[in-house]
Amino acid sequence: MRTALITGATSGIGEACAHLFAQQGYRMILVARKQDKLEKIAKHFADKYAVEIKTLIADVRDKVAVTDILEGLPGDWKQVDVLVNNAGLSLGLEPIDQGDTSDWDTMIDTNVKGLLYVTKIVSNWMISNKKGHIVNIGSTAGKEVYPGGNVYCATKHAVDALNKGMRVDLLPHGIKVTAVNPGMVETEFSKTRFKGDEARADKVYEGLEPLIAQDIADAIWFVVSRPAHVNIDDMIIRPTAQANSYVTNRK
């Protein structure tokens, strides 16, 4: 029985991944902060696809809680084949001199430290199991920077570096490591960035067709379903109408 662990599983890319992995017959460990939504999603997928699902309510920023809740899993649930480090967010779009330091802390603690806390534990399981695949959800913001992106871009540049470091460090153990870096994807991302301002969030995608969460889940499935001798180190995915952070083709 193959097992996938997905963080940030209640919306966007995380939820789409959970759907796809359940469809492919994986049993899943779904990690998220929102208990009601997580339990609803888990029940739906378990009923529809007849797969086992463990739900873990945790904020990846909380090292103690993450450690306790993961290490508290039964031994057979620590046979994780795929880890999808999806939990992440962006807050604000102010220039560096006007940034909200609380937003900075949240982004750094979630996007970088949260990813590390989960990876530290699960990578040790994979080493013991002598197999595994870690998929880190980065961003094109980890490849270039844009006005107002400062700290968010810095966190995703960190994910890019960590992905490369993991690939080197885990190579002797036969563990695969991949970064999937989306461009513009219409999820709750922009609504979160603009703190619920839906009109402002909608303008981000105005005049073009962005990616959707399913597009990224499909790419992740392609990555993890390659033969054992194949590792895709790094993947960048943008909508056809986006060439980079600055150049888009809006109708």
C-alpha atoms as a PDB file:
ATOM      1  CA  MET A   1       0.000   0.000   0.000  1.00  0.00           C
ATOM      2  CA  ARG A   2       1.484   3.342  -1.063  1.00  0.00           C
ATOM      3  CA  THR A   3       1.208   6.306   1.302  1.00  0.00           C
ATOM      4  CA  ALA A   4       1.332  10.038   0.602  1.00  0.00           C
ATOM      5  CA  LEU A   5       1.642  12.819   3.175  1.00  0.00           C
ATOM      6  CA  ILE A   6       0.347  16.214   2.017  1.00  0.00           C
ATOM      7  CA  THR A   7       0.565  19.475   3.949  1.00  0.00           C
ATOM      8  CA  GLY A   8      -1.833  22.356   3.386  1.00  0.00           C
ATOM      9  CA  ALA A   9      -4.390  19.811   2.233  1.00  0.00           C
ATOM     10  CA  THR A  10      -7.657  21.741   2.635  1.00  0.00           C
ATOM     11  CA  SER A  11      -7.487  24.022  -0.399  1.00  0.00           C
ATOM     12  CA  GLY A  12      -5.833  24.771  -3.710  1.00  0.00           C
ATOM     13  CA  ILE A  13      -2.931  22.605  -4.814  1.00  0.00           C
ATOM     14  CA  GLY A  14      -2.941  20.539  -1.620  1.00  0.00           C
ATOM     15  CA  GLU A  15      -6.598  19.570  -1.977  1.00  0.00           C
ATOM     16  CA  ALA A  16      -6.137  18.823  -5.691  1.00  0.00           C
ATOM     17  CA  CYS A  17      -3.185  16.565  -4.852  1.00  0.00           C
ATOM     18  CA  ALA A  18      -5.195  14.773  -2.191  1.00  0.00           C
ATOM     19  CA  HIS A  19      -7.959  14.162  -4.722  1.00  0.00           C
ATOM     20  CA  LEU A  20      -5.545  12.815  -7.343  1.00  0.00           C
ATOM     21  CA  PHE A  21      -3.565  10.610  -4.968  1.00  0.00           C
ATOM     22  CA  ALA A  22      -6.782   9.150  -3.556  1.00  0.00           C
ATOM     23  CA  GLN A  23      -7.937   8.476  -7.109  1.00  0.00           C
ATOM     24  CA  GLN A  24      -4.674   6.602  -7.689  1.00  0.00           C
ATOM     25  CA  GLY A  25      -5.307   4.392  -4.644  1.00  0.00           C
ATOM     26  CA  TYR A  26      -2.864   5.952  -2.189  1.00  0.00           C
ATOM     27  CA  ARG A  27      -3.706   5.995   1.479  1.00  0.00           C
ATOM     28  CA  MET A  28      -3.044   9.486   2.761  1.00  0.00           C
ATOM     29  CA  ILE A  29      -1.933  11.542   5.718  1.00  0.00           C
ATOM     30  CA  LEU A  30      -3.481  14.975   5.285  1.00  0.00           C
ATOM     31  CA  VAL A  31      -2.128  17.862   7.366  1.00  0.00           C
ATOM     32  CA  ALA A  32      -3.885  21.218   7.714  1.00  0.00           C
ATOM     33  CA  ARG A  33      -5.048  23.804  10.228  1.00  0.00           C
ATOM     34  CA  LYS A  34      -8.790  23.812   9.471  1.00  0.00           C
ATOM     35  CA  GLN A  35     -10.298  20.815  11.231  1.00  0.00           C
ATOM     36  CA  ASP A  36     -13.850  20.977   9.858  1.00  0.00           C
ATOM     37  CA  LYS A  37     -12.753  21.338   6.261  1.00  0.00           C
ATOM     38  CA  LEU A  38     -10.027  18.715   6.597  1.00  0.00           C
ATOM     39  CA  GLU A  39     -12.395  16.144   8.045  1.00  0.00           C
ATOM     40  CA  LYS A  40     -14.988  16.889   5.343  1.00  0.00           C
ATOM     41  CA  ILE A  41     -12.430  16.434   2.555  1.00  0.00           C
ATOM     42  CA  ALA A  42     -11.052  13.261   4.122  1.00  0.00           C
ATOM     43  CA  LYS A  43     -14.502  11.702   4.461  1.00  0.00           C
ATOM     44  CA  HIS A  44     -15.390  12.565   0.874  1.00  0.00           C
ATOM     45  CA  PHE A  45     -12.223  11.003  -0.552  1.00  0.00           C
ATOM     46  CA  ALA A  46     -12.402   7.968   1.738  1.00  0.00           C
ATOM     47  CA  ASP A  47     -16.011   7.298   0.731  1.00  0.00           C
ATOM     48  CA  LYS A  48     -15.461   7.948  -2.976  1.00  0.00           C
ATOM     49  CA  TYR A  49     -12.194   6.077  -3.445  1.00  0.00           C
ATOM     50  CA  ALA A  50     -12.245   3.583  -0.549  1.00  0.00           C
ATOM     51  CA  VAL A  51      -8.799   4.638   0.701  1.00  0.00           C
ATOM     52  CA  GLU A  52      -7.570   5.025   4.258  1.00  0.00           C
ATOM     53  CA  ILE A  53      -6.961   8.602   5.372  1.00  0.00           C
ATOM     54  CA  LYS A  54      -5.381  10.014   8.519  1.00  0.00           C
ATOM     55  CA  THR A  55      -6.125  13.657   9.297  1.00  0.00           C
ATOM     56  CA  LEU A  56      -3.655  15.662  11.358  1.00  0.00           C
ATOM     57  CA  ILE A  57      -4.664  19.095  12.611  1.00  0.00           C
ATOM     58  CA  ALA A  58      -1.518  21.172  12.883  1.00  0.00           C
ATOM     59  CA  ASP A  59       0.070  24.450  11.856  1.00  0.00           C
ATOM     60  CA  VAL A  60       3.410  23.608  10.250  1.00  0.00           C
ATOM     61  CA  ARG A  61       4.896  26.696  11.952  1.00  0.00           C
ATOM     62  CA  ASP A  62       4.549  24.989  15.338  1.00  0.00           C
ATOM     63  CA  LYS A  63       7.625  22.758  15.604  1.00  0.00           C
ATOM     64  CA  VAL A  64       6.542  21.053  18.818  1.00  0.00           C
ATOM     65  CA  ALA A  65       3.021  20.313  17.589  1.00  0.00           C
ATOM     66  CA  VAL A  66       4.237  19.077  14.202  1.00  0.00           C
ATOM     67  CA  THR A  67       6.822  16.818  15.817  1.00  0.00           C
ATOM     68  CA  ASP A  68       4.374  15.398  18.354  1.00  0.00           C
ATOM     69  CA  ILE A  69       1.585  14.770  15.877  1.00  0.00           C
ATOM     70  CA  LEU A  70       3.795  13.133  13.241  1.00  0.00           C
ATOM     71  CA  GLU A  71       5.828  11.038  15.637  1.00  0.00           C
ATOM     72  CA  GLY A  72       2.551   9.964  17.258  1.00  0.00           C
ATOM     73  CA  LEU A  73       1.473   8.162  14.099  1.00  0.00           C
ATOM     74  CA  PRO A  74       1.379   4.348  14.279  1.00  0.00           C
ATOM     75  CA  GLY A  75       4.519   2.711  12.898  1.00  0.00           C
ATOM     76  CA  ASP A  76       2.893   1.402   9.735  1.00  0.00           C
ATOM     77  CA  TRP A  77       1.783   4.947   8.829  1.00  0.00           C
ATOM     78  CA  LYS A  78       5.405   6.057   8.849  1.00  0.00           C
ATOM     79  CA  GLN A  79       5.955   4.100   5.639  1.00  0.00           C
ATOM     80  CA  VAL A  80       5.562   7.287   3.608  1.00  0.00           C
ATOM     81  CA  ASP A  81       6.292   6.964  -0.112  1.00  0.00           C
ATOM     82  CA  VAL A  82       5.576  10.566  -1.124  1.00  0.00           C
ATOM     83  CA  LEU A  83       5.770  13.795   0.860  1.00  0.00           C
ATOM     84  CA  VAL A  84       4.210  16.863  -0.766  1.00  0.00           C
ATOM     85  CA  ASN A  85       5.426  19.975   1.050  1.00  0.00           C
ATOM     86  CA  ASN A  86       2.599  22.214  -0.096  1.00  0.00           C
ATOM     87  CA  ALA A  87       1.745  24.377   2.933  1.00  0.00           C
ATOM     88  CA  GLY A  88       2.696  27.954   2.127  1.00  0.00           C
ATOM     89  CA  LEU A  89       1.338  31.444   1.613  1.00  0.00           C
ATOM     90  CA  SER A  90       2.039  35.016   0.640  1.00  0.00           C
ATOM     91  CA  LEU A  91       0.922  38.056   2.624  1.00  0.00           C
ATOM     92  CA  GLY A  92       0.999  41.612   1.330  1.00  0.00           C
ATOM     93  CA  LEU A  93       2.630  43.245  -1.682  1.00  0.00           C
ATOM     94  CA  GLU A  94       4.273  46.279  -0.122  1.00  0.00           C
ATOM     95  CA  PRO A  95       7.772  47.564  -0.857  1.00  0.00           C
ATOM     96  CA  ILE A  96      10.370  46.528   1.708  1.00  0.00           C
ATOM     97  CA  ASP A  97      10.240  49.833   3.614  1.00  0.00           C
ATOM     98  CA  GLN A  98       6.492  49.502   4.151  1.00  0.00           C
ATOM     99  CA  GLY A  99       6.292  45.780   4.861  1.00  0.00           C
ATOM    100  CA  ASP A 100       4.421  44.343   7.819  1.00  0.00           C
ATOM    101  CA  THR A 101       6.935  42.435   9.960  1.00  0.00           C
ATOM    102  CA  SER A 102       4.181  40.175  11.252  1.00  0.00           C
ATOM    103  CA  ASP A 103       3.463  39.135   7.665  1.00  0.00           C
ATOM    104  CA  TRP A 104       7.180  38.519   7.148  1.00  0.00           C
ATOM    105  CA  ASP A 105       7.311  36.247  10.197  1.00  0.00           C
ATOM    106  CA  THR A 106       4.291  34.262   9.020  1.00  0.00           C
ATOM    107  CA  MET A 107       5.709  33.726   5.540  1.00  0.00           C
ATOM    108  CA  ILE A 108       9.169  32.742   6.762  1.00  0.00           C
ATOM    109  CA  ASP A 109       7.804  30.480   9.490  1.00  0.00           C
ATOM    110  CA  THR A 110       5.375  28.735   7.119  1.00  0.00           C
ATOM    111  CA  ASN A 111       7.185  28.600   3.799  1.00  0.00           C
ATOM    112  CA  VAL A 112      10.675  27.832   5.088  1.00  0.00           C
ATOM    113  CA  LYS A 113      10.681  26.655   8.695  1.00  0.00           C
ATOM    114  CA  GLY A 114       7.421  24.705   8.415  1.00  0.00           C
ATOM    115  CA  LEU A 115       8.727  22.872   5.370  1.00  0.00           C
ATOM    116  CA  LEU A 116      11.909  22.042   7.295  1.00  0.00           C
ATOM    117  CA  TYR A 117      10.090  20.771  10.387  1.00  0.00           C
ATOM    118  CA  VAL A 118       8.003  18.327   8.358  1.00  0.00           C
ATOM    119  CA  THR A 119      10.877  17.260   6.107  1.00  0.00           C
ATOM    120  CA  LYS A 120      13.232  16.563   9.025  1.00  0.00           C
ATOM    121  CA  ILE A 121      10.833  13.974  10.431  1.00  0.00           C
ATOM    122  CA  VAL A 122       9.580  12.383   7.226  1.00  0.00           C
ATOM    123  CA  SER A 123      13.017  12.193   5.571  1.00  0.00           C
ATOM    124  CA  ASN A 124      14.242  10.119   8.527  1.00  0.00           C
ATOM    125  CA  TRP A 125      11.354   7.710   7.989  1.00  0.00           C
ATOM    126  CA  MET A 126      12.244   7.486   4.302  1.00  0.00           C
ATOM    127  CA  ILE A 127      15.887   6.804   5.152  1.00  0.00           C
ATOM    128  CA  SER A 128      14.792   3.954   7.427  1.00  0.00           C
ATOM    129  CA  ASN A 129      12.458   2.646   4.743  1.00  0.00           C
ATOM    130  CA  LYS A 130      15.168   3.033   2.058  1.00  0.00           C
ATOM    131  CA  LYS A 131      12.760   4.728  -0.329  1.00  0.00           C
ATOM    132  CA  GLY A 132      10.682   7.863  -0.777  1.00  0.00           C
ATOM    133  CA  HIS A 133      10.048  10.965  -2.847  1.00  0.00           C
ATOM    134  CA  ILE A 134       9.866  14.525  -1.506  1.00  0.00           C
ATOM    135  CA  VAL A 135       8.059  17.093  -3.649  1.00  0.00           C
ATOM    136  CA  ASN A 136       8.569  20.705  -2.593  1.00  0.00           C
ATOM    137  CA  ILE A 137       6.078  23.228  -3.911  1.00  0.00           C
ATOM    138  CA  GLY A 138       8.155  26.250  -4.819  1.00  0.00           C
ATOM    139  CA  SER A 139       7.188  29.102  -7.115  1.00  0.00           C
ATOM    140  CA  THR A 140       8.449  31.078 -10.058  1.00  0.00           C
ATOM    141  CA  ALA A 141       8.954  33.679  -7.291  1.00  0.00           C
ATOM    142  CA  GLY A 142      11.849  31.450  -6.264  1.00  0.00           C
ATOM    143  CA  LYS A 143      13.463  31.982  -9.659  1.00  0.00           C
ATOM    144  CA  GLU A 144      13.036  35.757 -10.017  1.00  0.00           C
ATOM    145  CA  VAL A 145      11.776  38.671  -7.941  1.00  0.00           C
ATOM    146  CA  TYR A 146       9.095  41.247  -8.634  1.00  0.00           C
ATOM    147  CA  PRO A 147       8.089  44.598  -7.073  1.00  0.00           C
ATOM    148  CA  GLY A 148       6.587  44.096  -3.630  1.00  0.00           C
ATOM    149  CA  GLY A 149       7.443  40.396  -3.622  1.00  0.00           C
ATOM    150  CA  ASN A 150      10.601  40.871  -1.494  1.00  0.00           C
ATOM    151  CA  VAL A 151      10.072  38.523   1.488  1.00  0.00           C
ATOM    152  CA  TYR A 152       7.742  36.078  -0.266  1.00  0.00           C
ATOM    153  CA  CYS A 153      10.255  35.768  -3.102  1.00  0.00           C
ATOM    154  CA  ALA A 154      13.031  35.294  -0.543  1.00  0.00           C
ATOM    155  CA  THR A 155      11.149  32.395   1.077  1.00  0.00           C
ATOM    156  CA  LYS A 156      10.651  30.687  -2.270  1.00  0.00           C
ATOM    157  CA  HIS A 157      14.303  31.245  -3.206  1.00  0.00           C
ATOM    158  CA  ALA A 158      15.034  29.465   0.083  1.00  0.00           C
ATOM    159  CA  VAL A 159      12.797  26.564  -0.961  1.00  0.00           C
ATOM    160  CA  ASP A 160      14.710  26.390  -4.239  1.00  0.00           C
ATOM    161  CA  ALA A 161      18.022  26.176  -2.347  1.00  0.00           C
ATOM    162  CA  LEU A 162      16.645  23.669   0.147  1.00  0.00           C
ATOM    163  CA  ASN A 163      15.376  21.487  -2.668  1.00  0.00           C
ATOM    164  CA  LYS A 164      18.879  21.376  -4.156  1.00  0.00           C
ATOM    165  CA  GLY A 165      20.388  20.681  -0.742  1.00  0.00           C
ATOM    166  CA  MET A 166      17.949  17.855  -0.040  1.00  0.00           C
ATOM    167  CA  ARG A 167      18.707  16.309  -3.413  1.00  0.00           C
ATOM    168  CA  VAL A 168      22.396  16.145  -2.490  1.00  0.00           C
ATOM    169  CA  ASP A 169      21.970  15.086   1.136  1.00  0.00           C
ATOM    170  CA  LEU A 170      19.423  12.351   0.453  1.00  0.00           C
ATOM    171  CA  LEU A 171      21.076  10.978  -2.674  1.00  0.00           C
ATOM    172  CA  PRO A 172      23.002   8.237  -0.786  1.00  0.00           C
ATOM    173  CA  HIS A 173      19.682   6.935   0.555  1.00  0.00           C
ATOM    174  CA  GLY A 174      17.998   6.631  -2.834  1.00  0.00           C
ATOM    175  CA  ILE A 175      15.371   9.252  -1.981  1.00  0.00           C
ATOM    176  CA  LYS A 176      14.013  11.353  -4.825  1.00  0.00           C
ATOM    177  CA  VAL A 177      13.613  15.117  -4.427  1.00  0.00           C
ATOM    178  CA  THR A 178      11.726  17.426  -6.783  1.00  0.00           C
ATOM    179  CA  ALA A 179      10.707  21.085  -6.837  1.00  0.00           C
ATOM    180  CA  VAL A 180       7.533  22.044  -8.690  1.00  0.00           C
ATOM    181  CA  ASN A 181       7.425  25.800  -9.298  1.00  0.00           C
ATOM    182  CA  PRO A 182       4.081  27.227 -10.462  1.00  0.00           C
ATOM    183  CA  GLY A 183       3.511  30.615 -11.999  1.00  0.00           C
ATOM    184  CA  MET A 184       0.032  32.138 -11.865  1.00  0.00           C
ATOM    185  CA  VAL A 185      -2.434  29.644 -10.377  1.00  0.00           C
ATOM    186  CA  GLU A 186      -5.945  30.751  -9.482  1.00  0.00           C
ATOM    187  CA  THR A 187      -6.507  29.383  -5.984  1.00  0.00           C
ATOM    188  CA  GLU A 188      -7.022  31.151  -2.646  1.00  0.00           C
ATOM    189  CA  PHE A 189      -3.414  32.390  -2.936  1.00  0.00           C
ATOM    190  CA  SER A 190      -4.190  35.966  -3.994  1.00  0.00           C
ATOM    191  CA  LYS A 191      -7.155  36.264  -1.627  1.00  0.00           C
ATOM    192  CA  THR A 192      -4.820  35.310   1.210  1.00  0.00           C
ATOM    193  CA  ARG A 193      -2.130  37.709  -0.005  1.00  0.00           C
ATOM    194  CA  PHE A 194      -4.622  40.582  -0.088  1.00  0.00           C
ATOM    195  CA  LYS A 195      -6.294  39.507   3.151  1.00  0.00           C
ATOM    196  CA  GLY A 196      -9.712  38.738   1.751  1.00  0.00           C
ATOM    197  CA  ASP A 197      -9.915  41.556  -0.809  1.00  0.00           C
ATOM    198  CA  GLU A 198     -11.554  39.529  -3.569  1.00  0.00           C
ATOM    199  CA  ALA A 199     -11.739  42.383  -6.071  1.00  0.00           C
ATOM    200  CA  ARG A 200      -7.994  42.978  -5.823  1.00  0.00           C
ATOM    201  CA  ALA A 201      -7.300  39.250  -5.985  1.00  0.00           C
ATOM    202  CA  ASP A 202      -9.423  38.864  -9.117  1.00  0.00           C
ATOM    203  CA  LYS A 203      -7.417  41.564 -10.910  1.00  0.00           C
ATOM    204  CA  VAL A 204      -4.299  39.398 -10.690  1.00  0.00           C
ATOM    205  CA  TYR A 205      -5.837  37.006 -13.242  1.00  0.00           C
ATOM    206  CA  GLU A 206      -7.822  39.553 -15.265  1.00  0.00           C
ATOM    207  CA  GLY A 207      -7.562  39.183 -19.019  1.00  0.00           C
ATOM    208  CA  LEU A 208      -5.758  35.835 -19.084  1.00  0.00           C
ATOM    209  CA  GLU A 209      -6.401  32.192 -18.333  1.00  0.00           C
ATOM    210  CA  PRO A 210      -4.332  31.186 -15.301  1.00  0.00           C
ATOM    211  CA  LEU A 211      -3.408  27.708 -14.240  1.00  0.00           C
ATOM    212  CA  ILE A 212      -5.734  25.878 -11.854  1.00  0.00           C
ATOM    213  CA  ALA A 213      -4.784  23.686  -8.923  1.00  0.00           C
ATOM    214  CA  GLN A 214      -5.514  20.526 -10.919  1.00  0.00           C
ATOM    215  CA  ASP A 215      -2.831  21.491 -13.447  1.00  0.00           C
ATOM    216  CA  ILE A 216      -0.213  21.449 -10.699  1.00  0.00           C
ATOM    217  CA  ALA A 217      -1.548  18.239  -9.163  1.00  0.00           C
ATOM    218  CA  ASP A 218      -1.286  16.586 -12.594  1.00  0.00           C
ATOM    219  CA  ALA A 219       2.343  17.729 -12.863  1.00  0.00           C
ATOM    220  CA  ILE A 220       3.108  16.389  -9.390  1.00  0.00           C
ATOM    221  CA  TRP A 221       1.560  13.055 -10.295  1.00  0.00           C
ATOM    222  CA  PHE A 222       3.681  12.924 -13.458  1.00  0.00           C
ATOM    223  CA  VAL A 223       6.798  13.561 -11.358  1.00  0.00           C
ATOM    224  CA  VAL A 224       6.095  10.869  -8.754  1.00  0.00           C
ATOM    225  CA  SER A 225       4.952   8.275 -11.288  1.00  0.00           C
ATOM    226  CA  ARG A 226       8.248   8.169 -13.211  1.00  0.00           C
ATOM    227  CA  PRO A 227      10.286   4.933 -13.169  1.00  0.00           C
ATOM    228  CA  ALA A 228      12.555   4.293 -10.187  1.00  0.00           C
ATOM    229  CA  HIS A 229      15.688   5.397 -12.051  1.00  0.00           C
ATOM    230  CA  VAL A 230      14.213   8.789 -13.041  1.00  0.00           C
ATOM    231  CA  ASN A 231      14.250  11.907 -10.832  1.00  0.00           C
ATOM    232  CA  ILE A 232      12.878  15.220 -12.082  1.00  0.00           C
ATOM    233  CA  ASP A 233      14.889  17.746 -10.094  1.00  0.00           C
ATOM    234  CA  ASP A 234      13.084  20.953 -10.992  1.00  0.00           C
ATOM    235  CA  MET A 235       9.947  21.892 -12.909  1.00  0.00           C
ATOM    236  CA  ILE A 236       8.608  25.360 -13.816  1.00  0.00           C
ATOM    237  CA  ILE A 237       4.968  25.624 -14.904  1.00  0.00           C
ATOM    238  CA  ARG A 238       3.278  28.787 -16.128  1.00  0.00           C
ATOM    239  CA  PRO A 239       0.057  29.478 -17.999  1.00  0.00           C
ATOM    240  CA  THR A 240       0.531  29.958 -21.728  1.00  0.00           C
ATOM    241  CA  ALA A 241      -0.287  33.654 -21.286  1.00  0.00           C
ATOM    242  CA  GLN A 242       2.573  34.240 -18.819  1.00  0.00           C
ATOM    243  CA  ALA A 243       6.232  34.357 -19.899  1.00  0.00           C
ATOM    244  CA  ASN A 244       7.613  35.576 -16.551  1.00  0.00           C
ATOM    245  CA  SER A 245       6.567  37.693 -13.581  1.00  0.00           C
ATOM    246  CA  TYR A 246       6.535  40.822 -15.747  1.00  0.00           C
ATOM    247  CA  VAL A 247       5.401  39.700 -19.185  1.00  0.00           C
ATOM    248  CA  THR A 248       1.841  38.466 -19.687  1.00  0.00           C
ATOM    249  CA  ASN A 249      -0.520  38.417 -22.628  1.00  0.00           C
ATOM    250  CA  ARG A 250      -3.778  39.898 -21.355  1.00  0.00           C
ATOM    251  CA  LYS A 251      -6.748  40.246 -23.667  1.00  0.00           C
END
